[in-house]
């Protein structure tokens, strides 16, 4: 057995603490990315996913700008009709198209309903998954977990792109 000096043992212990702090810091960054992506996504997703008590119906696209379209809202059920609501999303539709929407409570803003709306609402979380995959692979050397995380994020973004 080799005897080591006290200073060497202290240095080895300090290096272990540095490694532990690195793992804890990078893990905190990954958690922060995922929580902030989920938080941002939930602001829109709650109106699409939790449908009880929400105004739902169809919106006819009358005029579209670069990122905002406006048009009348035709309700489904007990919702009230509105002459003009706005929707902010990448539109692949032309004017005159009818799309299913849900109205945010207390506003005249509409969000896309259906599978396309759910997937589009979770796009920020998909981006956070992709960023977290890079941090997992580079900072924690968890390559398999990073590939799985990146695959989930890419599938979410691809699904949103294909359903809109």
Protein backbone atom coordinates (compact mmCIF):
# COMPACT_ATOMS: atom_id res chain seq x y z
CA UNK A 1 0.00 0.00 0.00
CA UNK A 2 1.34 3.39 -0.99
CA UNK A 3 1.27 6.12 1.59
CA UNK A 4 0.02 9.47 0.35
CA UNK A 5 0.64 12.77 1.97
CA UNK A 6 -2.08 14.70 3.67
CA UNK A 7 -1.96 17.48 1.06
CA UNK A 8 -2.46 14.96 -1.75
CA UNK A 9 -5.47 13.42 -0.02
CA UNK A 10 -7.00 16.88 0.47
CA UNK A 11 -6.36 17.76 -3.18
CA UNK A 12 -8.01 14.53 -4.34
CA UNK A 13 -11.02 15.28 -2.14
CA UNK A 14 -11.22 18.82 -3.49
CA UNK A 15 -11.08 17.52 -7.06
CA UNK A 16 -13.98 15.19 -6.25
CA UNK A 17 -15.98 18.17 -4.98
CA UNK A 18 -15.21 20.10 -8.17
CA UNK A 19 -16.48 17.19 -10.26
CA UNK A 20 -19.59 16.91 -8.11
CA UNK A 21 -20.23 20.66 -8.45
CA UNK A 22 -19.88 20.37 -12.25
CA UNK A 23 -22.42 17.56 -12.41
CA UNK A 24 -24.81 19.43 -10.10
CA UNK A 25 -24.45 22.67 -12.10
CA UNK A 26 -25.01 21.05 -15.49
CA UNK A 27 -27.96 19.08 -14.11
CA UNK A 28 -29.45 22.33 -12.82
CA UNK A 29 -29.06 23.87 -16.30
CA UNK A 30 -30.84 20.89 -17.90
CA UNK A 31 -33.68 21.10 -15.37
CA UNK A 32 -33.95 24.87 -15.90
CA UNK A 33 -34.17 24.40 -19.68
CA UNK A 34 -36.88 21.76 -19.43
CA UNK A 35 -38.93 23.59 -16.81
CA UNK A 36 -38.81 26.89 -18.70
CA UNK A 37 -39.79 25.15 -21.96
CA UNK A 38 -42.71 23.40 -20.28
CA UNK A 39 -43.78 26.63 -18.54
CA UNK A 40 -43.79 28.57 -21.79
CA UNK A 41 -45.66 25.81 -23.60
CA UNK A 42 -48.30 25.47 -20.90
CA UNK A 43 -49.43 29.10 -21.34
CA UNK A 44 -50.94 28.14 -24.71
CA UNK A 45 -51.45 24.41 -24.25
CA UNK A 46 -53.87 24.82 -21.34
CA UNK A 47 -56.41 26.50 -23.60
CA UNK A 48 -56.19 23.72 -26.16
CA UNK A 49 -55.94 20.70 -23.89
CA UNK A 50 -58.30 21.62 -21.05
CA UNK A 51 -61.48 22.10 -23.03
CA UNK A 52 -64.08 22.07 -20.26
CA UNK A 53 -65.59 25.55 -19.97
CA UNK A 54 -63.63 26.96 -22.92
CA UNK A 55 -65.13 28.63 -25.95
CA UNK A 56 -64.50 26.42 -28.97
CA UNK A 57 -65.54 26.68 -32.57
CA UNK A 58 -64.22 27.55 -36.01
CA UNK A 59 -62.56 30.68 -37.31
CA UNK A 60 -62.79 31.81 -40.91
CA UNK A 61 -59.59 33.47 -42.07
CA UNK A 62 -60.45 36.83 -43.63
CA UNK A 63 -57.16 38.73 -43.62
CA UNK A 64 -53.64 37.53 -42.85
CA UNK A 65 -50.44 39.45 -42.20
CA UNK A 66 -46.99 38.02 -41.66
CA UNK A 67 -47.79 36.24 -38.40
CA UNK A 68 -51.35 37.21 -37.43
CA UNK A 69 -54.65 36.37 -39.07
CA UNK A 70 -58.06 37.81 -38.24
CA UNK A 71 -61.60 36.70 -38.93
CA UNK A 72 -64.99 35.90 -37.43
CA UNK A 73 -65.51 33.20 -34.84
CA UNK A 74 -68.39 30.73 -35.25
CA UNK A 75 -69.04 29.00 -31.92
CA UNK A 76 -69.66 25.35 -31.27
CA UNK A 77 -72.03 24.78 -28.36
CA UNK A 78 -72.85 27.58 -25.92
CA UNK A 79 -70.01 29.94 -26.83
CA UNK A 80 -70.77 33.42 -28.15
CA UNK A 81 -70.08 34.42 -31.73
CA UNK A 82 -67.50 37.13 -32.31
CA UNK A 83 -67.07 39.36 -35.32
CA UNK A 84 -63.27 39.51 -35.11
CA UNK A 85 -60.72 37.31 -33.38
CA UNK A 86 -56.99 37.09 -34.02
CA UNK A 87 -54.78 34.04 -34.24
CA UNK A 88 -51.01 34.02 -34.22
CA UNK A 89 -49.47 31.00 -35.87
CA UNK A 90 -47.68 29.98 -39.02
CA UNK A 91 -50.54 29.70 -41.46
CA UNK A 92 -50.42 27.32 -44.36
CA UNK A 93 -54.03 28.11 -45.11
CA UNK A 94 -55.44 30.66 -47.50
CA UNK A 95 -58.03 33.29 -46.75
CA UNK A 96 -61.48 31.79 -46.55
CA UNK A 97 -60.27 28.62 -44.83
CA UNK A 98 -62.02 27.47 -41.67
CA UNK A 99 -59.82 26.22 -38.85
CA UNK A 100 -60.83 24.83 -35.43
CA UNK A 101 -59.89 27.17 -32.60
CA UNK A 102 -60.32 27.75 -28.87
CA UNK A 103 -60.64 31.27 -27.44
CA UNK A 104 -58.40 32.35 -24.57
CA UNK A 105 -60.66 33.46 -21.67
CA UNK A 106 -61.21 37.20 -21.42
CA UNK A 107 -59.56 38.00 -24.76
CA UNK A 108 -60.25 37.93 -28.47
CA UNK A 109 -57.20 35.77 -29.11
CA UNK A 110 -57.72 32.35 -30.61
CA UNK A 111 -55.41 29.34 -30.45
CA UNK A 112 -55.44 26.44 -32.86
CA UNK A 113 -57.43 23.43 -31.58
CA UNK A 114 -57.08 19.74 -32.36
CA UNK A 115 -53.88 17.73 -32.68
CA UNK A 116 -52.19 20.48 -34.66
CA UNK A 117 -52.91 22.99 -31.92
CA UNK A 118 -51.72 20.69 -29.14
CA UNK A 119 -48.45 19.93 -30.91
CA UNK A 120 -47.93 23.57 -31.89
CA UNK A 121 -48.50 24.65 -28.29
CA UNK A 122 -45.71 22.33 -27.13
CA UNK A 123 -43.13 23.60 -29.67
CA UNK A 124 -41.19 25.60 -27.02
CA UNK A 125 -40.84 22.41 -24.98
CA UNK A 126 -39.57 20.59 -28.07
CA UNK A 127 -36.92 23.24 -28.51
CA UNK A 128 -36.00 22.93 -24.84
CA UNK A 129 -35.62 19.18 -25.30
CA UNK A 130 -33.20 19.75 -28.18
CA UNK A 131 -31.15 22.24 -26.16
CA UNK A 132 -31.14 19.96 -23.13
CA UNK A 133 -29.86 17.11 -25.32
CA UNK A 134 -26.82 19.17 -26.28
CA UNK A 135 -26.13 19.98 -22.62
CA UNK A 136 -26.62 16.34 -21.59
CA UNK A 137 -24.18 15.10 -24.21
CA UNK A 138 -21.55 17.77 -23.71
CA UNK A 139 -21.77 18.51 -20.02
CA UNK A 140 -22.76 15.21 -18.47
CA UNK A 141 -21.46 12.81 -21.14
CA UNK A 142 -24.83 11.04 -21.16
CA UNK A 143 -24.90 10.28 -24.88
CA UNK A 144 -27.75 7.75 -24.98
CA UNK A 145 -29.98 9.94 -22.85
CA UNK A 146 -29.08 12.90 -25.04
CA UNK A 147 -30.01 11.01 -28.22
CA UNK A 148 -33.35 9.96 -26.70
CA UNK A 149 -34.07 13.52 -25.56
CA UNK A 150 -33.15 14.94 -28.96
CA UNK A 151 -35.32 12.32 -30.67
CA UNK A 152 -38.34 13.29 -28.54
CA UNK A 153 -37.77 16.99 -29.23
CA UNK A 154 -37.34 16.43 -32.96
CA UNK A 155 -40.45 14.24 -33.11
CA UNK A 156 -42.48 16.91 -31.34
CA UNK A 157 -41.27 19.65 -33.69
CA UNK A 158 -41.81 17.45 -36.77
CA UNK A 159 -45.30 16.54 -35.60
CA UNK A 160 -46.19 20.20 -35.11
CA UNK A 161 -44.84 21.05 -38.55
CA UNK A 162 -46.73 18.24 -40.28
CA UNK A 163 -50.09 18.80 -38.54
CA UNK A 164 -50.28 22.54 -39.14
